[in-house]
């Protein structure tokens, strides 16, 4: 997949003139790293495209098909700006939907808000997506990174009161959000953070950072990294004999995209936060929602890895977008689309874990705000404790 992928309305086109068909389409746009060091996240938009194809096969929304335009930005903010302007000014999308990444979305946030174009369900948990006063056209999806950071810090203090902690973050706003929340969670125990370092998504490896953190004497390691670098961190730590308790963020806990490349044996005992069901876990084998998801994957994503949890994320956020469009009741003005996206009653979407809901209101512009801690047992994530959030 490269450049632009369109999930459109071929059947409709053969029944009526092209201009009339285009008028009836609901046109959504997104940018994603189809190439480059963060390309693991392309799975999200591919799953979204597949879900919209299913939705179109089922008749679309209010008699209209969804046309979903995906442009590759390689996780490069300047490229994101170029591609987003193309989607808005040339392709004339109704809204941007689930564009991937913190830095890429920051690069276009002011532009989209200034133009009155909805920037919906951003595929990132940065705190700035929940700022209706300054960015009323931006709505987040992923659990907020600062909240997630606080959750992990409090867990560490409870599970290992005397922990010596090391953390690695990307040198961008996403990492700084995680770090801020993590330090807030540590509170007066901040001196237990004995090593912190950063990386760039353009770095070929993070071997030197891992060696430095091992030398700090840390016995807990928060690997706040994108999938490629999270897998590198786990694999490198194992290869040098460093065996800390590893914490992974929700954005990088895919078994297929992270733990398998890192080595499942190397991943035993890792702790993370979940909000989605793992379709490969036998405990969900009889769950109707998982059965539906697996049937969807078999028909619309037959070559995709079900073990990659990013498929479930794309499927789920696309379902949420569909609900927003359904709630528009035929009024697909940008103002009404935003109104519906920011007034979603708590909704138990099928692949969300029991007890976790998606919802927005006037003061909460991030759709998912809860997590369930889980530990990897070598085959699956095993949840423990209560649903957590703020």
Protein backbone atom coordinates (compact mmCIF):
# COMPACT_ATOMS: atom_id res chain seq x y z
CA UNK A 1 0.00 0.00 0.00
CA UNK A 2 1.47 3.35 -0.96
CA UNK A 3 0.46 6.90 -1.73
CA UNK A 4 -3.32 6.88 -1.62
CA UNK A 5 -5.71 4.07 -0.91
CA UNK A 6 -9.38 4.66 -1.63
CA UNK A 7 -12.13 2.59 -0.11
CA UNK A 8 -14.87 3.87 -2.30
CA UNK A 9 -18.18 2.96 -3.87
CA UNK A 10 -17.48 1.05 -7.07
CA UNK A 11 -20.90 -0.58 -7.18
CA UNK A 12 -22.58 2.81 -6.91
CA UNK A 13 -20.46 4.26 -9.69
CA UNK A 14 -21.77 1.79 -12.23
CA UNK A 15 -25.38 2.72 -11.42
CA UNK A 16 -25.24 6.50 -11.79
CA UNK A 17 -23.14 9.32 -13.22
CA UNK A 18 -19.83 9.87 -11.49
CA UNK A 19 -20.62 13.40 -10.29
CA UNK A 20 -23.85 12.27 -8.65
CA UNK A 21 -22.08 9.31 -6.99
CA UNK A 22 -19.36 11.63 -5.67
CA UNK A 23 -21.99 13.94 -4.21
CA UNK A 24 -23.43 11.04 -2.25
CA UNK A 25 -20.12 9.81 -0.87
CA UNK A 26 -18.98 10.62 2.66
CA UNK A 27 -15.34 11.44 2.08
CA UNK A 28 -12.90 10.93 4.96
CA UNK A 29 -9.14 11.40 4.85
CA UNK A 30 -6.16 10.27 6.87
CA UNK A 31 -2.39 10.28 6.94
CA UNK A 32 -0.35 7.33 8.15
CA UNK A 33 3.19 5.92 7.98
CA UNK A 34 2.71 3.42 5.21
CA UNK A 35 6.50 3.59 4.95
CA UNK A 36 9.34 4.50 7.30
CA UNK A 37 10.34 3.56 10.88
CA UNK A 38 6.81 3.80 12.32
CA UNK A 39 5.17 1.77 9.54
CA UNK A 40 3.85 -0.80 12.04
CA UNK A 41 1.07 1.71 12.73
CA UNK A 42 -0.13 1.44 9.12
CA UNK A 43 -2.04 -1.62 10.33
CA UNK A 44 -4.52 0.72 12.04
CA UNK A 45 -5.59 2.51 8.86
CA UNK A 46 -5.61 -0.68 6.81
CA UNK A 47 -8.09 -2.17 9.29
CA UNK A 48 -10.16 1.01 9.14
CA UNK A 49 -10.21 0.84 5.34
CA UNK A 50 -11.34 -2.77 5.55
CA UNK A 51 -14.13 -1.90 7.99
CA UNK A 52 -15.39 0.89 5.76
CA UNK A 53 -15.38 -1.58 2.85
CA UNK A 54 -17.58 -3.86 4.97
CA UNK A 55 -19.80 -0.93 5.88
CA UNK A 56 -20.17 -0.02 2.20
CA UNK A 57 -21.06 -3.62 1.36
CA UNK A 58 -23.77 -3.39 4.01
CA UNK A 59 -25.26 -0.25 2.44
CA UNK A 60 -23.14 2.55 3.89
CA UNK A 61 -24.49 5.32 6.13
CA UNK A 62 -27.87 6.93 5.39
CA UNK A 63 -27.68 5.51 1.88
CA UNK A 64 -24.22 6.91 1.27
CA UNK A 65 -20.97 5.04 0.84
CA UNK A 66 -17.76 6.05 2.63
CA UNK A 67 -14.78 7.04 0.53
CA UNK A 68 -11.65 6.74 2.68
CA UNK A 69 -8.48 8.36 1.36
CA UNK A 70 -5.15 7.35 2.91
CA UNK A 71 -1.98 9.30 2.16
CA UNK A 72 1.49 8.17 3.25
CA UNK A 73 3.39 10.67 5.42
CA UNK A 74 6.17 8.27 6.57
CA UNK A 75 5.65 9.71 10.10
CA UNK A 76 7.31 12.94 8.91
CA UNK A 77 5.49 16.13 10.06
CA UNK A 78 6.44 18.17 6.96
CA UNK A 79 5.04 15.38 4.80
CA UNK A 80 1.92 15.29 6.99
CA UNK A 81 1.35 18.98 6.33
CA UNK A 82 1.70 18.46 2.58
CA UNK A 83 -0.61 15.44 2.49
CA UNK A 84 -3.22 16.93 4.83
CA UNK A 85 -3.47 20.10 2.76
CA UNK A 86 -3.90 17.89 -0.31
CA UNK A 87 -6.71 15.96 1.36
CA UNK A 88 -8.50 19.13 2.48
CA UNK A 89 -7.92 21.45 -0.47
CA UNK A 90 -7.79 19.07 -3.42
CA UNK A 91 -9.67 15.96 -2.30
CA UNK A 92 -12.13 18.06 -0.26
CA UNK A 93 -12.60 15.55 2.54
CA UNK A 94 -15.39 16.12 5.02
CA UNK A 95 -13.08 15.35 7.94
CA UNK A 96 -9.70 13.95 8.85
CA UNK A 97 -10.13 10.65 10.62
CA UNK A 98 -7.69 8.72 12.82
CA UNK A 99 -4.51 10.23 11.41
CA UNK A 100 -1.52 8.48 12.98
CA UNK A 101 1.03 9.91 15.37
CA UNK A 102 1.57 12.74 17.81
CA UNK A 103 4.13 14.90 16.00
CA UNK A 104 2.40 14.50 12.61
CA UNK A 105 -0.97 15.56 14.04
CA UNK A 106 0.50 18.49 15.96
CA UNK A 107 1.92 19.74 12.66
CA UNK A 108 -1.57 20.13 11.17
CA UNK A 109 -3.70 20.84 14.24
CA UNK A 110 -3.72 24.64 13.91
CA UNK A 111 -4.32 24.42 10.17
CA UNK A 112 -7.31 22.09 10.53
CA UNK A 113 -8.83 24.07 13.40
CA UNK A 114 -8.35 27.31 11.53
CA UNK A 115 -10.05 25.85 8.47
CA UNK A 116 -12.90 24.36 10.51
CA UNK A 117 -12.11 20.80 9.40
CA UNK A 118 -12.83 18.09 12.01
CA UNK A 119 -9.67 16.28 13.16
CA UNK A 120 -11.40 13.24 14.56
CA UNK A 121 -10.22 10.36 16.74
CA UNK A 122 -6.54 11.13 16.39
CA UNK A 123 -4.50 7.94 16.64
CA UNK A 124 -2.43 9.18 19.57
CA UNK A 125 -2.99 9.81 23.27
CA UNK A 126 -1.34 13.22 23.55
CA UNK A 127 -2.99 15.54 26.06
CA UNK A 128 -3.43 18.32 23.49
CA UNK A 129 -6.24 16.41 21.74
CA UNK A 130 -8.38 17.14 24.78
CA UNK A 131 -8.28 20.96 24.60
CA UNK A 132 -11.65 22.16 23.31
CA UNK A 133 -10.94 25.74 24.37
CA UNK A 134 -7.98 26.12 22.00
CA UNK A 135 -8.62 23.30 19.50
CA UNK A 136 -12.39 22.74 19.31
CA UNK A 137 -12.17 20.76 16.04
CA UNK A 138 -9.75 18.13 17.42
CA UNK A 139 -10.97 14.93 19.11
CA UNK A 140 -8.67 12.18 20.44
CA UNK A 141 -9.12 8.43 20.64
CA UNK A 142 -6.29 6.63 22.48
CA UNK A 143 -6.08 6.72 26.30
CA UNK A 144 -4.27 9.92 27.38
CA UNK A 145 -0.54 9.35 27.69
CA UNK A 146 -0.18 11.36 30.89
CA UNK A 147 -2.95 9.35 32.55
CA UNK A 148 -1.33 6.13 31.35
CA UNK A 149 2.03 7.26 32.74
CA UNK A 150 0.51 7.92 36.16
CA UNK A 151 -1.15 4.49 36.15
CA UNK A 152 2.16 2.71 35.49
CA UNK A 153 4.07 4.72 38.09
CA UNK A 154 1.50 3.96 40.78
CA UNK A 155 1.52 0.29 39.86
CA UNK A 156 5.32 0.14 40.13
CA UNK A 157 5.31 1.80 43.55
CA UNK A 158 2.74 -0.70 44.76
CA UNK A 159 4.30 -3.79 43.20
CA UNK A 160 7.95 -2.86 43.85
CA UNK A 161 8.17 -0.14 46.50
CA UNK A 162 11.97 -0.02 46.33
CA UNK A 163 12.19 -0.07 42.53
CA UNK A 164 15.02 1.62 40.68
CA UNK A 165 13.41 2.80 37.47
CA UNK A 166 14.71 3.55 33.97
CA UNK A 167 12.64 5.06 31.18
CA UNK A 168 13.16 5.68 27.48
CA UNK A 169 10.88 7.98 25.49
CA UNK A 170 10.79 9.32 21.93
CA UNK A 171 12.11 12.87 21.75
CA UNK A 172 8.72 14.37 20.93
CA UNK A 173 5.54 15.53 22.65
CA UNK A 174 4.19 11.99 23.08
CA UNK A 175 7.21 10.96 25.13
CA UNK A 176 7.07 14.14 27.18
CA UNK A 177 3.39 13.54 27.98
CA UNK A 178 4.17 10.03 29.21
CA UNK A 179 7.15 11.25 31.23
CA UNK A 180 5.20 14.08 32.84
CA UNK A 181 2.40 11.74 33.91
CA UNK A 182 4.88 9.12 35.07
CA UNK A 183 6.71 11.61 37.29
CA UNK A 184 3.41 12.88 38.68
CA UNK A 185 2.54 9.28 39.54
CA UNK A 186 5.87 8.82 41.32
CA UNK A 187 5.25 11.96 43.36
CA UNK A 188 7.66 12.11 46.29
CA UNK A 189 9.36 8.95 45.01
CA UNK A 190 10.87 10.75 42.05
CA UNK A 191 14.39 9.86 43.17
CA UNK A 192 13.60 6.23 42.25
CA UNK A 193 13.83 7.25 38.60
CA UNK A 194 17.53 6.59 38.20
CA UNK A 195 17.86 6.77 34.41
CA UNK A 196 15.94 8.48 31.65
CA UNK A 197 16.88 8.77 28.01
CA UNK A 198 15.39 9.50 24.61
CA UNK A 199 15.59 8.28 21.03
CA UNK A 200 14.66 9.61 17.59
CA UNK A 201 12.47 7.61 15.22
CA UNK A 202 15.29 7.99 12.68
CA UNK A 203 17.82 6.25 14.96
CA UNK A 204 19.03 2.92 13.54
CA UNK A 205 19.20 1.31 17.00
CA UNK A 206 18.83 2.13 20.69
CA UNK A 207 21.53 -0.29 21.85
CA UNK A 208 23.61 2.38 23.58
CA UNK A 209 20.60 3.69 25.51
CA UNK A 210 19.72 0.18 26.72
CA UNK A 211 23.31 -0.41 27.88
CA UNK A 212 23.31 2.91 29.78
CA UNK A 213 20.06 2.06 31.54
CA UNK A 214 21.36 -1.37 32.52
CA UNK A 215 24.45 0.28 34.01
CA UNK A 216 22.23 2.52 36.15
CA UNK A 217 21.21 -0.51 38.19
CA UNK A 218 17.55 -0.11 37.29
CA UNK A 219 15.33 -3.13 37.93
CA UNK A 220 12.21 -1.63 36.30
CA UNK A 221 12.20 -0.39 32.71
CA UNK A 222 9.39 1.66 31.15
CA UNK A 223 9.97 1.23 27.41
CA UNK A 224 7.78 4.05 26.14
CA UNK A 225 8.51 3.50 22.47
CA UNK A 226 6.85 2.89 19.12
CA UNK A 227 6.53 -0.79 18.10
CA UNK A 228 9.83 -1.06 16.22
CA UNK A 229 11.84 0.43 19.09
CA UNK A 230 9.87 -1.36 21.80
CA UNK A 231 10.76 -4.67 20.15
CA UNK A 232 14.40 -3.55 19.87
CA UNK A 233 14.49 -2.62 23.55
CA UNK A 234 13.12 -5.96 24.75
CA UNK A 235 15.41 -7.95 22.48
CA UNK A 236 18.53 -5.95 23.39
CA UNK A 237 17.84 -6.11 27.13
CA UNK A 238 17.57 -9.89 26.90
CA UNK A 239 20.75 -10.20 24.83
CA UNK A 240 22.86 -8.36 27.43
CA UNK A 241 21.36 -10.22 30.38
CA UNK A 242 19.40 -7.28 31.78
CA UNK A 243 16.17 -8.60 33.30
CA UNK A 244 14.13 -5.72 34.71
CA UNK A 245 10.36 -5.64 35.03
CA UNK A 246 9.41 -4.15 31.66
CA UNK A 247 6.42 -1.85 31.20
CA UNK A 248 5.08 -1.28 27.69
CA UNK A 249 2.64 1.47 26.69
CA UNK A 250 -0.75 0.63 25.21
CA UNK A 251 0.39 1.89 21.79
CA UNK A 252 3.11 -0.77 21.64
CA UNK A 253 1.73 -3.91 23.24
CA UNK A 254 0.75 -5.77 20.07
CA UNK A 255 1.77 -9.41 20.34
CA UNK A 256 2.21 -9.67 16.58
CA UNK A 257 3.96 -6.33 15.97
CA UNK A 258 6.10 -6.11 19.14
CA UNK A 259 6.36 -9.23 21.28
CA UNK A 260 6.87 -11.75 18.48
CA UNK A 261 9.69 -9.71 16.87
CA UNK A 262 11.20 -9.22 20.34
CA UNK A 263 10.91 -12.94 21.13
CA UNK A 264 8.00 -14.33 23.13
CA UNK A 265 10.40 -15.91 25.66
CA UNK A 266 12.01 -12.49 26.17
CA UNK A 267 8.59 -10.94 26.73
CA UNK A 268 7.31 -13.11 29.58
CA UNK A 269 6.37 -10.97 32.58
CA UNK A 270 6.02 -7.68 30.71
CA UNK A 271 3.22 -5.44 32.04
CA UNK A 272 1.06 -3.11 29.98
CA UNK A 273 -2.32 -1.40 29.84
CA UNK A 274 -5.07 -2.84 27.64
CA UNK A 275 -8.40 -1.53 26.46
CA UNK A 276 -9.08 -4.04 23.67
CA UNK A 277 -9.72 -7.77 23.59
CA UNK A 278 -6.99 -9.99 22.18
CA UNK A 279 -8.71 -12.02 19.47
CA UNK A 280 -6.06 -14.76 19.71
CA UNK A 281 -6.59 -15.36 23.42
CA UNK A 282 -8.53 -18.62 24.00
CA UNK A 283 -10.53 -17.02 26.79
CA UNK A 284 -12.42 -14.99 24.17
CA UNK A 285 -13.03 -17.97 21.88
CA UNK A 286 -16.76 -18.03 22.62
CA UNK A 287 -17.23 -14.27 22.70
CA UNK A 288 -19.70 -13.17 19.97
CA UNK A 289 -17.84 -9.90 19.40
CA UNK A 290 -14.54 -11.71 18.84
CA UNK A 291 -16.24 -14.21 16.52
CA UNK A 292 -17.59 -11.30 14.48
CA UNK A 293 -14.15 -9.67 14.42
CA UNK A 294 -12.48 -12.88 13.25
CA UNK A 295 -15.10 -13.32 10.54
CA UNK A 296 -14.49 -9.73 9.44
CA UNK A 297 -10.73 -10.33 9.34
CA UNK A 298 -11.15 -13.54 7.34
CA UNK A 299 -13.27 -11.79 4.70
CA UNK A 300 -11.81 -8.28 4.52
CA UNK A 301 -8.25 -8.71 5.84
CA UNK A 302 -7.35 -12.31 4.95
CA UNK A 303 -3.62 -11.63 4.78
CA UNK A 304 -3.38 -9.59 7.99
CA UNK A 305 -2.03 -10.92 11.29
CA UNK A 306 -4.88 -11.34 13.75
CA UNK A 307 -2.26 -11.34 16.53
CA UNK A 308 -1.49 -7.71 15.73
CA UNK A 309 -3.73 -5.83 18.13
CA UNK A 310 -3.57 -2.74 15.94
CA UNK A 311 -6.16 -4.46 13.73
CA UNK A 312 -8.61 -4.46 16.62
CA UNK A 313 -7.85 -0.77 17.23
CA UNK A 314 -8.59 0.18 13.62
CA UNK A 315 -11.75 -1.93 13.61
CA UNK A 316 -12.94 -0.29 16.85
CA UNK A 317 -12.25 3.34 15.98
CA UNK A 318 -13.89 2.83 12.57
CA UNK A 319 -16.97 1.52 14.37
CA UNK A 320 -16.97 4.63 16.53
CA UNK A 321 -16.71 6.85 13.45
CA UNK A 322 -19.62 4.96 11.90
CA UNK A 323 -21.73 5.67 14.98
CA UNK A 324 -20.90 9.37 14.71
CA UNK A 325 -21.98 9.41 11.07
CA UNK A 326 -25.17 7.49 11.88
CA UNK A 327 -25.97 10.04 14.59
CA UNK A 328 -25.64 12.83 12.03
CA UNK A 329 -28.99 11.59 10.63
CA UNK A 330 -28.22 12.74 7.13
CA UNK A 331 -26.76 16.15 8.06
CA UNK A 332 -23.13 15.73 7.06
CA UNK A 333 -22.04 19.31 7.56
CA UNK A 334 -18.69 19.64 9.29
CA UNK A 335 -20.35 21.42 12.20
CA UNK A 336 -22.80 18.59 12.79
CA UNK A 337 -20.16 15.90 12.40
CA UNK A 338 -18.09 17.65 15.10
CA UNK A 339 -21.18 18.05 17.29
CA UNK A 340 -21.89 14.33 17.18
CA UNK A 341 -18.22 13.39 17.68
CA UNK A 342 -18.04 15.45 20.87
CA UNK A 343 -21.33 14.19 22.34
CA UNK A 344 -20.98 10.41 22.39
CA UNK A 345 -22.70 8.70 25.35
CA UNK A 346 -20.57 5.99 26.96
CA UNK A 347 -20.59 3.16 24.44
CA UNK A 348 -19.43 -0.42 24.95
CA UNK A 349 -17.99 -1.13 21.51
CA UNK A 350 -17.67 -4.87 20.78
CA UNK A 351 -13.88 -5.28 20.99
CA UNK A 352 -13.42 -3.09 24.07
CA UNK A 353 -12.67 -4.98 27.28
CA UNK A 354 -15.63 -5.39 29.63
CA UNK A 355 -15.99 -2.27 31.77
CA UNK A 356 -14.24 0.02 29.28
CA UNK A 357 -16.32 2.44 27.26
CA UNK A 358 -15.85 4.99 24.51
CA UNK A 359 -17.44 8.38 24.99
CA UNK A 360 -16.98 12.13 24.71
CA UNK A 361 -18.60 15.23 26.15
CA UNK A 362 -18.01 18.97 26.38
CA UNK A 363 -15.04 18.58 28.73
CA UNK A 364 -13.66 15.22 27.58
CA UNK A 365 -12.62 15.18 23.94
CA UNK A 366 -10.71 11.89 24.23
CA UNK A 367 -12.86 8.84 23.51
CA UNK A 368 -11.00 6.17 25.54
CA UNK A 369 -9.95 7.11 29.08
CA UNK A 370 -9.60 3.74 30.86
CA UNK A 371 -7.11 0.88 30.93
CA UNK A 372 -6.80 -2.62 32.37
CA UNK A 373 -3.35 -3.70 33.52
CA UNK A 374 -2.18 -7.03 32.12
CA UNK A 375 0.89 -9.27 32.24
CA UNK A 376 2.24 -11.37 29.35
CA UNK A 377 2.51 -15.09 30.18
CA UNK A 378 4.32 -16.16 27.03
CA UNK A 379 1.16 -16.69 25.01
CA UNK A 380 -1.34 -14.00 25.92
CA UNK A 381 -1.94 -10.90 28.02
CA UNK A 382 -3.45 -11.84 31.38
CA UNK A 383 -5.44 -8.96 32.91
CA UNK A 384 -5.19 -8.23 36.63
CA UNK A 385 -6.60 -5.66 39.02
CA UNK A 386 -9.39 -3.19 38.39
CA UNK A 387 -10.21 -0.97 35.42
CA UNK A 388 -8.18 2.20 35.90
CA UNK A 389 -8.62 5.74 34.67
CA UNK A 390 -9.05 9.36 35.65
